[in-house]
């Protein structure tokens, strides 16, 4: 079992709060964390819905959903950023 610290930014922060924690089985990946959060139901299911464009960072480094997680990691989710 591993425990990760969650952080949410921008519109996700407004919907889900700034941070939290999540326990997952050893060997879990970012996709597993997202699925576990969606399984919690509202408001997580809408904010982190599959197919919704989101970015993730593990320990402040951008990553994809296949990235493995370790005990004590910080996992942040945020919407894609556009510039102009």
N, C-alpha and C. Protein backbone atom coordinates (compact mmCIF):
# COMPACT_ATOMS: atom_id res chain seq x y z
N UNK A 1 0.85 -1.18 0.00
CA UNK A 1 0.00 0.00 0.00
C UNK A 1 0.90 1.24 0.00
N UNK A 2 0.48 2.24 -0.77
CA UNK A 2 1.22 3.49 -0.78
C UNK A 2 0.25 4.65 -0.57
N UNK A 3 0.78 5.71 0.02
CA UNK A 3 -0.01 6.92 0.25
C UNK A 3 0.62 8.04 -0.53
N UNK A 4 -0.20 8.74 -1.32
CA UNK A 4 0.29 9.87 -2.09
C UNK A 4 -0.44 11.13 -1.66
N UNK A 5 0.24 12.24 -1.82
CA UNK A 5 -0.36 13.55 -1.53
C UNK A 5 -0.90 14.10 -2.83
N UNK A 6 -2.12 14.58 -2.80
CA UNK A 6 -2.77 15.12 -4.00
C UNK A 6 -2.79 16.64 -3.94
N UNK A 7 -2.60 17.26 -5.11
CA UNK A 7 -2.74 18.70 -5.25
C UNK A 7 -3.56 18.97 -6.50
N UNK A 8 -4.41 19.96 -6.42
CA UNK A 8 -5.27 20.33 -7.54
C UNK A 8 -5.09 21.83 -7.80
N UNK A 9 -5.09 22.20 -9.09
CA UNK A 9 -4.85 23.58 -9.46
C UNK A 9 -5.92 24.10 -10.41
N UNK A 10 -6.04 25.43 -10.46
CA UNK A 10 -6.96 26.14 -11.35
C UNK A 10 -8.41 25.70 -11.09
N UNK A 11 -9.15 25.37 -12.14
CA UNK A 11 -10.56 25.01 -11.99
C UNK A 11 -10.74 23.74 -11.15
N UNK A 12 -9.76 22.85 -11.18
CA UNK A 12 -9.85 21.64 -10.35
C UNK A 12 -9.78 21.99 -8.87
N UNK A 13 -8.97 22.97 -8.54
CA UNK A 13 -8.87 23.42 -7.15
C UNK A 13 -10.21 23.98 -6.67
N UNK A 14 -10.87 24.72 -7.54
CA UNK A 14 -12.19 25.28 -7.18
C UNK A 14 -13.20 24.17 -6.95
N UNK A 15 -13.14 23.11 -7.74
CA UNK A 15 -14.11 22.02 -7.64
C UNK A 15 -13.77 21.02 -6.53
N UNK A 16 -12.47 20.77 -6.30
CA UNK A 16 -12.06 19.67 -5.43
C UNK A 16 -11.30 20.08 -4.17
N UNK A 17 -10.95 21.34 -4.06
CA UNK A 17 -10.11 21.79 -2.96
C UNK A 17 -8.65 21.76 -3.37
N UNK A 18 -7.81 22.26 -2.49
CA UNK A 18 -6.40 22.42 -2.84
C UNK A 18 -5.62 21.12 -2.78
N UNK A 19 -5.91 20.27 -1.80
CA UNK A 19 -5.11 19.06 -1.66
C UNK A 19 -5.83 17.99 -0.88
N UNK A 20 -5.22 16.81 -0.84
CA UNK A 20 -5.77 15.67 -0.13
C UNK A 20 -4.77 14.54 -0.15
N UNK A 21 -5.22 13.37 0.27
CA UNK A 21 -4.38 12.18 0.25
C UNK A 21 -5.15 11.03 -0.37
N UNK A 22 -4.41 10.05 -0.87
CA UNK A 22 -5.02 8.89 -1.49
C UNK A 22 -4.15 7.68 -1.20
N UNK A 23 -4.78 6.58 -0.81
CA UNK A 23 -4.06 5.32 -0.61
C UNK A 23 -4.36 4.41 -1.79
N UNK A 24 -3.31 3.81 -2.31
CA UNK A 24 -3.40 2.93 -3.48
C UNK A 24 -2.56 1.69 -3.26
N UNK A 25 -2.86 0.62 -3.98
CA UNK A 25 -2.01 -0.57 -3.89
C UNK A 25 -0.62 -0.29 -4.47
N UNK A 26 0.37 -0.99 -3.95
CA UNK A 26 1.73 -0.88 -4.49
C UNK A 26 1.69 -1.19 -5.98
N UNK A 27 2.52 -0.50 -6.74
CA UNK A 27 2.57 -0.70 -8.18
C UNK A 27 1.58 0.15 -8.96
N UNK A 28 0.85 1.03 -8.28
CA UNK A 28 -0.15 1.86 -8.96
C UNK A 28 0.51 2.92 -9.82
N UNK A 29 -0.23 3.36 -10.81
CA UNK A 29 0.22 4.39 -11.75
C UNK A 29 -0.71 5.60 -11.66
N UNK A 30 -0.38 6.66 -12.35
CA UNK A 30 -1.19 7.88 -12.34
C UNK A 30 -2.62 7.56 -12.78
N UNK A 31 -2.78 6.73 -13.80
CA UNK A 31 -4.13 6.36 -14.27
C UNK A 31 -4.93 5.68 -13.16
N UNK A 32 -4.28 4.89 -12.33
CA UNK A 32 -4.97 4.22 -11.22
C UNK A 32 -5.44 5.24 -10.18
N UNK A 33 -4.61 6.23 -9.92
CA UNK A 33 -4.99 7.29 -8.98
C UNK A 33 -6.20 8.06 -9.49
N UNK A 34 -6.16 8.40 -10.76
CA UNK A 34 -7.28 9.14 -11.35
C UNK A 34 -8.56 8.30 -11.29
N UNK A 35 -8.47 7.02 -11.62
CA UNK A 35 -9.64 6.13 -11.57
C UNK A 35 -10.17 6.00 -10.15
N UNK A 36 -9.29 5.90 -9.16
CA UNK A 36 -9.73 5.80 -7.77
C UNK A 36 -10.45 7.06 -7.33
N UNK A 37 -9.98 8.21 -7.78
CA UNK A 37 -10.64 9.46 -7.43
C UNK A 37 -12.01 9.56 -8.10
N UNK A 38 -12.10 9.19 -9.37
CA UNK A 38 -13.38 9.21 -10.09
C UNK A 38 -14.38 8.29 -9.38
N UNK A 39 -13.90 7.17 -8.87
CA UNK A 39 -14.77 6.21 -8.19
C UNK A 39 -15.35 6.76 -6.89
N UNK A 40 -14.79 7.82 -6.36
CA UNK A 40 -15.33 8.46 -5.16
C UNK A 40 -16.68 9.13 -5.42
N UNK A 41 -16.97 9.38 -6.69
CA UNK A 41 -18.23 10.05 -7.04
C UNK A 41 -18.06 11.56 -7.05
N UNK A 42 -19.19 12.25 -6.97
CA UNK A 42 -19.18 13.72 -7.05
C UNK A 42 -18.36 14.32 -5.92
N UNK A 43 -17.64 15.37 -6.21
CA UNK A 43 -17.44 16.08 -7.46
C UNK A 43 -16.28 15.53 -8.31
N UNK A 44 -15.58 14.51 -7.79
CA UNK A 44 -14.40 13.97 -8.49
C UNK A 44 -14.74 13.37 -9.84
N UNK A 45 -15.90 12.69 -9.93
CA UNK A 45 -16.24 12.01 -11.18
C UNK A 45 -16.39 12.97 -12.34
N UNK A 46 -16.92 14.16 -12.10
CA UNK A 46 -17.06 15.15 -13.18
C UNK A 46 -15.74 15.86 -13.47
N UNK A 47 -15.02 16.25 -12.42
CA UNK A 47 -13.80 17.03 -12.59
C UNK A 47 -12.67 16.22 -13.23
N UNK A 48 -12.62 14.91 -12.94
CA UNK A 48 -11.52 14.08 -13.43
C UNK A 48 -11.99 13.01 -14.40
N UNK A 49 -13.14 13.21 -15.00
CA UNK A 49 -13.76 12.21 -15.88
C UNK A 49 -12.80 11.72 -16.96
N UNK A 50 -12.88 10.42 -17.27
CA UNK A 50 -12.07 9.90 -18.38
C UNK A 50 -12.37 10.67 -19.67
N UNK A 51 -11.36 10.95 -20.41
CA UNK A 51 -11.54 11.70 -21.65
C UNK A 51 -11.43 13.21 -21.47
N UNK A 52 -11.52 13.68 -20.24
CA UNK A 52 -11.36 15.11 -19.99
C UNK A 52 -9.87 15.45 -20.03
N UNK A 53 -9.53 16.48 -20.77
CA UNK A 53 -8.12 16.87 -20.91
C UNK A 53 -7.59 17.41 -19.59
N UNK A 54 -6.59 16.72 -19.04
CA UNK A 54 -5.93 17.13 -17.81
C UNK A 54 -4.44 16.85 -17.93
N UNK A 55 -3.67 17.58 -17.18
CA UNK A 55 -2.24 17.33 -17.08
C UNK A 55 -1.97 16.81 -15.68
N UNK A 56 -0.87 16.09 -15.54
CA UNK A 56 -0.46 15.57 -14.23
C UNK A 56 1.03 15.81 -14.04
N UNK A 57 1.40 15.97 -12.78
CA UNK A 57 2.81 16.11 -12.42
C UNK A 57 3.07 15.24 -11.19
N UNK A 58 4.12 14.42 -11.27
CA UNK A 58 4.56 13.61 -10.14
C UNK A 58 5.80 14.29 -9.56
N UNK A 59 5.70 14.68 -8.32
CA UNK A 59 6.81 15.37 -7.65
C UNK A 59 7.31 16.56 -8.47
N UNK A 60 6.36 17.33 -8.98
CA UNK A 60 6.58 18.58 -9.71
C UNK A 60 7.25 18.39 -11.07
N UNK A 61 7.15 17.18 -11.62
CA UNK A 61 7.65 16.91 -12.97
C UNK A 61 6.48 16.39 -13.80
N UNK A 62 6.21 17.03 -14.96
CA UNK A 62 5.11 16.58 -15.80
C UNK A 62 5.26 15.10 -16.14
N UNK A 63 4.13 14.40 -16.16
CA UNK A 63 4.16 12.97 -16.43
C UNK A 63 2.89 12.56 -17.17
N UNK A 64 2.86 11.31 -17.61
CA UNK A 64 1.65 10.81 -18.26
C UNK A 64 0.97 9.80 -17.33
N UNK A 65 -0.14 9.24 -17.79
CA UNK A 65 -0.94 8.36 -16.94
C UNK A 65 -0.28 7.01 -16.70
N UNK A 66 0.77 6.67 -17.46
CA UNK A 66 1.47 5.40 -17.27
C UNK A 66 2.59 5.50 -16.22
N UNK A 67 2.83 6.69 -15.70
CA UNK A 67 3.90 6.89 -14.74
C UNK A 67 3.60 6.17 -13.43
N UNK A 68 4.58 5.41 -12.96
CA UNK A 68 4.45 4.68 -11.69
C UNK A 68 4.53 5.64 -10.51
N UNK A 69 3.79 5.31 -9.46
CA UNK A 69 3.78 6.10 -8.24
C UNK A 69 4.50 5.35 -7.13
N UNK A 70 5.08 6.11 -6.20
CA UNK A 70 5.76 5.53 -5.05
C UNK A 70 5.20 6.16 -3.77
N UNK A 71 5.34 5.46 -2.67
CA UNK A 71 4.86 5.96 -1.40
C UNK A 71 5.47 7.33 -1.11
N UNK A 72 4.63 8.27 -0.71
CA UNK A 72 5.08 9.62 -0.38
C UNK A 72 5.13 10.58 -1.55
N UNK A 73 4.82 10.13 -2.76
CA UNK A 73 4.82 11.02 -3.93
C UNK A 73 3.76 12.11 -3.79
N UNK A 74 4.03 13.22 -4.46
CA UNK A 74 3.02 14.26 -4.64
C UNK A 74 2.52 14.14 -6.07
N UNK A 75 1.22 14.07 -6.22
CA UNK A 75 0.61 13.98 -7.55
C UNK A 75 -0.32 15.17 -7.72
N UNK A 76 -0.04 15.98 -8.74
CA UNK A 76 -0.84 17.17 -9.00
C UNK A 76 -1.60 17.00 -10.31
N UNK A 77 -2.83 17.49 -10.32
CA UNK A 77 -3.65 17.51 -11.53
C UNK A 77 -4.02 18.96 -11.83
N UNK A 78 -4.01 19.30 -13.11
CA UNK A 78 -4.39 20.65 -13.52
C UNK A 78 -4.84 20.62 -14.97
N UNK A 79 -5.69 21.58 -15.35
CA UNK A 79 -6.12 21.63 -16.75
C UNK A 79 -4.97 22.09 -17.64
N UNK A 80 -5.03 21.74 -18.93
CA UNK A 80 -3.99 22.21 -19.84
C UNK A 80 -3.95 23.74 -19.88
N UNK A 81 -2.78 24.26 -20.04
CA UNK A 81 -2.59 25.72 -20.07
C UNK A 81 -2.43 26.15 -21.52
N UNK A 82 -3.10 27.23 -21.86
CA UNK A 82 -2.92 27.80 -23.20
C UNK A 82 -2.34 29.19 -23.07
N UNK A 83 -1.64 29.59 -24.08
CA UNK A 83 -1.03 30.91 -24.06
C UNK A 83 -1.55 31.74 -25.23
N UNK A 84 -1.19 32.97 -25.23
CA UNK A 84 -1.65 33.80 -26.33
C UNK A 84 -0.88 35.07 -26.46
